[in-house]
Every structure is written in structure tokens, then in C-alpha cells.
Amino acid sequence: GPSIDGVLERPSPELDGGPVGVGERSAEEPSAPPAPPPSLEDVWAGQGPSAVLADALERRSRGDLENAEARLRWLGARFPSAIVVYQTAVTAELRERHDDALRGYDDVLQAHPDDDVAQDAAFRRALVLEDLGRHEEATRQVKRLQRMGHWSETDRLSLELARGVNELGQGRTRRGLRRLGRALAVLDGLAQLDTSGGL
């Protein structure tokens, strides 16, 4: 008769629920792996540019600069509008990549000089130049804005604050504190005028 070894090697319909045929899978075998999730680029493409821009700005406002910049760069490669180029430059500035920020602001000023964000790009360009210690260039940028009528008291105060912070960073403490104090005093005065109904 058959040996015990021969019986164990054969499938047993009673124990296994029947023999597994060729090309069939048993219930214990894993199914095919799930499809990989779509890439971020595919997701962004399905959202539309306005939604991607809004998502990028929301992420930036929460401090997620890296992911905000990834979305803005993706948008810029496909939709290089003034607002996208400008917001990409602002994000580079916040990440302290000043050269990238300057290039972005220059791109806005050259390619979109009549767009609403061009004035903001010129102003932020002056701030970046000031951050880099390039005071003469920052001053020239400011004078161009003033000649064009695109310079307000708030702009002046913002630049003074940036200069004061830079002076502190350069070890010119007394001068930086004086500059900051003067700018903050004017801002405080403007705020009080605003709350008393003066503006």
C-alpha cells in the first residue's frame, strides 16, 4: 500500500477544501498590491491653479514654507503669472534665500511691470536689499518708488524697522535701537489716531 510519506505529499480534498487548480489562488494567498497613490503633481493638476495657490499660501501662513514653495514652483512652471512669481519670491525671502527672492522680484518687475503686485515686488526688493546690507541699492529702489508715487508712510516705517533690525544684527546696537524706537513711536501714533477716529 501507499506509504505515509506519499499520503502527506498529496493534497487532501477533505482537509484543504479541495485541490487548488492551476491558475487559481487559495484564500490565504495575498491579492495584488494596491495601486500606488497619485503623485502630488497629479493631485495639484486635478485641483486647478487657484486651489493650488490658495493651498500654498495657507501652508506658508502656518509656517510650512517647504511645502508651500513646492506648490508655488509647480505652479510657476505651468502658470508663470505675476502673482505666482511674486508669491514664490516672498516664500524664498521668508526662507532667507535672498538671491532667489531678488530674482523673483526682478522677474515680476520686468515681465509684469503694470501688474498690481509689481509695486509690492519693488517694495519687498528694497527690504531684501536692506537685509543684505546693500543700503545704497535699497535707497535707489525706494527713490524710484517715491518718484512713481508708490511710497507711503507705512512703507517708510517698514523700511526703517528693517534697517533698525539689521543694525542690531551688525552690532550697531545704539543706532539700531534709536531707529527702531523712532519708527515704533510713529507707528504707535498712527495706531492711536486710527483708534480715535482720526484716520
Protein backbone atom coordinates (compact mmCIF):
# COMPACT_ATOMS: atom_id res chain seq x y z
CA GLY A 1 0.00 0.00 0.00
CA PRO A 2 0.92 3.62 -0.06
CA SER A 3 3.47 4.83 2.39
CA ILE A 4 2.68 7.53 4.93
CA ASP A 5 5.03 9.92 3.10
CA GLY A 6 3.06 9.58 -0.11
CA VAL A 7 -0.21 10.39 1.64
CA LEU A 8 1.13 13.61 3.20
CA GLU A 9 2.51 14.86 -0.09
CA ARG A 10 -0.83 14.62 -1.91
CA PRO A 11 -3.48 17.31 -1.47
CA SER A 12 -6.40 16.14 0.61
CA PRO A 13 -9.79 17.44 -0.55
CA GLU A 14 -11.20 16.78 2.91
CA LEU A 15 -8.55 18.90 4.72
CA ASP A 16 -7.91 21.70 2.21
CA GLY A 17 -11.40 22.28 0.86
CA GLY A 18 -10.45 20.65 -2.40
CA PRO A 19 -7.38 20.82 -4.59
CA VAL A 20 -6.29 24.17 -5.95
CA GLY A 21 -6.31 24.15 -9.71
CA VAL A 22 -3.71 25.66 -11.98
CA GLY A 23 -4.10 29.45 -12.19
CA GLU A 24 -6.32 29.64 -9.10
CA ARG A 25 -5.33 31.25 -5.81
CA SER A 26 -6.18 29.93 -2.42
CA ALA A 27 -7.86 32.24 0.08
CA GLU A 28 -4.60 32.58 2.02
CA GLU A 29 -2.60 33.98 -0.91
CA PRO A 30 -2.29 37.78 -0.91
CA SER A 31 -4.03 39.76 -3.63
CA ALA A 32 -2.16 42.06 -5.98
CA PRO A 33 -0.59 45.07 -4.23
CA PRO A 34 -2.77 48.20 -4.27
CA ALA A 35 -2.04 50.84 -6.84
CA PRO A 36 0.37 53.50 -5.57
CA PRO A 37 -1.25 56.78 -4.56
CA PRO A 38 -1.19 59.54 -7.16
CA SER A 39 1.80 61.87 -7.12
CA LEU A 40 1.40 65.31 -5.60
CA GLU A 41 1.82 66.78 -9.07
CA ASP A 42 -1.14 64.70 -10.29
CA VAL A 43 -3.22 65.87 -7.34
CA TRP A 44 -2.29 69.52 -7.97
CA ALA A 45 -3.09 69.17 -11.67
CA GLY A 46 -6.57 67.98 -10.73
CA GLN A 47 -7.17 70.88 -8.34
CA GLY A 48 -6.64 73.80 -10.68
CA PRO A 49 -4.21 76.70 -10.26
CA SER A 50 -6.33 78.84 -7.92
CA ALA A 51 -6.80 75.99 -5.45
CA VAL A 52 -3.09 75.13 -5.51
CA LEU A 53 -2.18 78.80 -4.94
CA ALA A 54 -4.62 79.05 -2.03
CA ASP A 55 -3.21 75.84 -0.53
CA ALA A 56 0.35 77.12 -0.90
CA LEU A 57 -0.47 80.43 0.80
CA GLU A 58 -2.31 78.64 3.61
CA ARG A 59 0.68 76.37 4.19
CA ARG A 60 3.02 79.36 4.19
CA SER A 61 0.85 81.17 6.74
CA ARG A 62 1.20 78.13 9.02
CA GLY A 63 4.99 78.13 8.61
CA ASP A 64 5.16 75.18 6.21
CA LEU A 65 7.49 77.02 3.86
CA GLU A 66 8.98 73.97 2.16
CA ASN A 67 5.63 72.55 1.01
CA ALA A 68 4.31 75.99 0.15
CA GLU A 69 7.32 76.58 -2.06
CA ALA A 70 6.95 73.18 -3.75
CA ARG A 71 3.41 74.08 -4.78
CA LEU A 72 4.40 77.57 -5.92
CA ARG A 73 7.30 76.24 -8.00
CA TRP A 74 4.99 73.69 -9.63
CA LEU A 75 2.52 76.47 -10.42
CA GLY A 76 5.27 78.76 -11.71
CA ALA A 77 6.43 76.14 -14.19
CA ARG A 78 2.90 75.91 -15.62
CA PHE A 79 1.30 79.29 -14.90
CA PRO A 80 4.02 81.95 -14.51
CA SER A 81 1.60 84.75 -13.68
CA ALA A 82 2.76 87.80 -11.74
CA ILE A 83 1.07 86.66 -8.53
CA VAL A 84 2.65 83.19 -8.67
CA VAL A 85 6.14 84.56 -9.37
CA TYR A 86 5.70 87.18 -6.63
CA GLN A 87 4.45 84.69 -4.02
CA THR A 88 7.30 82.31 -4.88
CA ALA A 89 9.76 85.17 -4.28
CA VAL A 90 8.11 86.06 -0.96
CA THR A 91 8.44 82.42 0.14
CA ALA A 92 12.12 82.38 -0.87
CA GLU A 93 12.61 85.58 1.14
CA LEU A 94 10.96 84.00 4.19
CA ARG A 95 13.30 81.01 3.79
CA GLU A 96 16.18 83.53 3.79
CA ARG A 97 17.19 82.68 0.23
CA HIS A 98 17.66 86.32 -0.65
CA ASP A 99 19.19 85.80 -4.10
CA ASP A 100 16.20 83.70 -5.19
CA ALA A 101 13.85 86.32 -3.76
CA LEU A 102 15.62 89.14 -5.63
CA ARG A 103 15.46 87.17 -8.90
CA GLY A 104 11.74 86.60 -8.39
CA TYR A 105 11.03 90.24 -7.61
CA ASP A 106 13.12 91.29 -10.63
CA ASP A 107 11.16 88.84 -12.80
CA VAL A 108 7.87 90.40 -11.67
CA LEU A 109 9.16 93.92 -12.30
CA GLN A 110 10.50 93.03 -15.77
CA ALA A 111 7.76 90.71 -17.05
CA HIS A 112 4.74 92.28 -15.32
CA PRO A 113 5.58 95.96 -14.62
CA ASP A 114 1.93 97.07 -14.81
CA ASP A 115 0.52 94.29 -12.63
CA ASP A 116 -0.86 95.16 -9.21
CA VAL A 117 1.86 93.15 -7.45
CA ALA A 118 4.71 94.99 -9.21
CA GLN A 119 4.68 97.77 -6.59
CA ASP A 120 4.77 95.18 -3.80
CA ALA A 121 7.62 93.39 -5.54
CA ALA A 122 9.58 96.65 -5.77
CA PHE A 123 8.99 97.37 -2.09
CA ARG A 124 9.96 93.86 -0.97
CA ARG A 125 13.01 94.05 -3.22
CA ALA A 126 14.12 97.14 -1.27
CA LEU A 127 13.61 95.25 2.00
CA VAL A 128 15.70 92.31 0.78
CA LEU A 129 18.46 94.64 -0.36
CA GLU A 130 18.37 96.22 3.08
CA ASP A 131 18.52 92.77 4.72
CA LEU A 132 21.62 92.04 2.66
CA GLY A 133 23.24 95.29 3.80
CA ARG A 134 23.06 96.76 0.31
CA HIS A 135 21.82 100.13 1.60
CA GLU A 136 22.64 102.22 -1.49
CA GLU A 137 20.71 99.87 -3.77
CA ALA A 138 17.80 99.79 -1.32
CA THR A 139 17.78 103.59 -1.24
CA ARG A 140 17.77 103.78 -5.06
CA GLN A 141 14.83 101.34 -5.13
CA VAL A 142 12.96 103.48 -2.61
CA LYS A 143 13.64 106.67 -4.57
CA ARG A 144 12.23 105.04 -7.73
CA LEU A 145 9.09 104.11 -5.79
CA GLN A 146 8.80 107.63 -4.40
CA ARG A 147 9.16 109.20 -7.86
CA MET A 148 6.40 106.94 -9.13
CA GLY A 149 4.15 107.92 -6.22
CA HIS A 150 4.22 104.38 -4.82
CA TRP A 151 5.62 105.13 -1.39
CA SER A 152 3.61 105.58 1.76
CA GLU A 153 4.40 106.43 5.35
CA THR A 154 3.79 102.79 6.25
CA ASP A 155 6.32 101.74 3.61
CA ARG A 156 8.88 104.16 5.05
CA LEU A 157 8.30 102.86 8.54
CA SER A 158 8.60 99.24 7.41
CA LEU A 159 11.95 100.02 5.81
CA GLU A 160 13.10 101.86 8.95
CA LEU A 161 12.19 98.83 11.05
CA ALA A 162 14.15 96.56 8.70
CA ARG A 163 17.13 98.91 8.88
CA GLY A 164 16.97 99.02 12.69
CA VAL A 165 16.89 95.23 12.92
CA ASN A 166 19.84 95.00 10.52
CA GLU A 167 21.83 97.50 12.53
CA LEU A 168 21.21 95.45 15.67
CA GLY A 169 22.40 92.35 13.82
CA GLN A 170 25.56 94.17 12.75
CA GLY A 171 26.40 95.13 16.32
CA ARG A 172 25.39 98.78 15.94
CA THR A 173 23.08 98.47 18.90
CA ARG A 174 22.60 102.10 19.90
CA ARG A 175 21.90 103.24 16.35
CA GLY A 176 19.56 100.29 15.68
CA LEU A 177 17.60 100.84 18.89
CA ARG A 178 17.21 104.57 18.14
CA ARG A 179 15.95 103.82 14.63
CA LEU A 180 13.54 101.16 15.91
CA GLY A 181 12.32 103.45 18.69
CA ARG A 182 11.57 106.31 16.29
CA ALA A 183 9.72 104.04 13.85
CA LEU A 184 7.72 102.36 16.61
CA ALA A 185 6.78 105.73 18.12
CA VAL A 186 5.39 106.88 14.76
CA LEU A 187 3.51 103.59 14.33
CA ASP A 188 2.09 103.95 17.84
CA GLY A 189 0.95 107.48 17.00
CA LEU A 190 -0.69 106.27 13.79
CA ALA A 191 -2.44 103.48 15.70
CA GLN A 192 -3.77 105.94 18.26
CA LEU A 193 -5.07 108.23 15.50
CA ASP A 194 -6.76 105.25 13.93
CA THR A 195 -8.48 104.15 17.16
CA SER A 196 -9.62 107.69 17.99
CA GLY A 197 -11.22 108.07 14.58
CA GLY A 198 -8.54 110.40 13.25
CA LEU A 199 -7.94 108.36 10.10
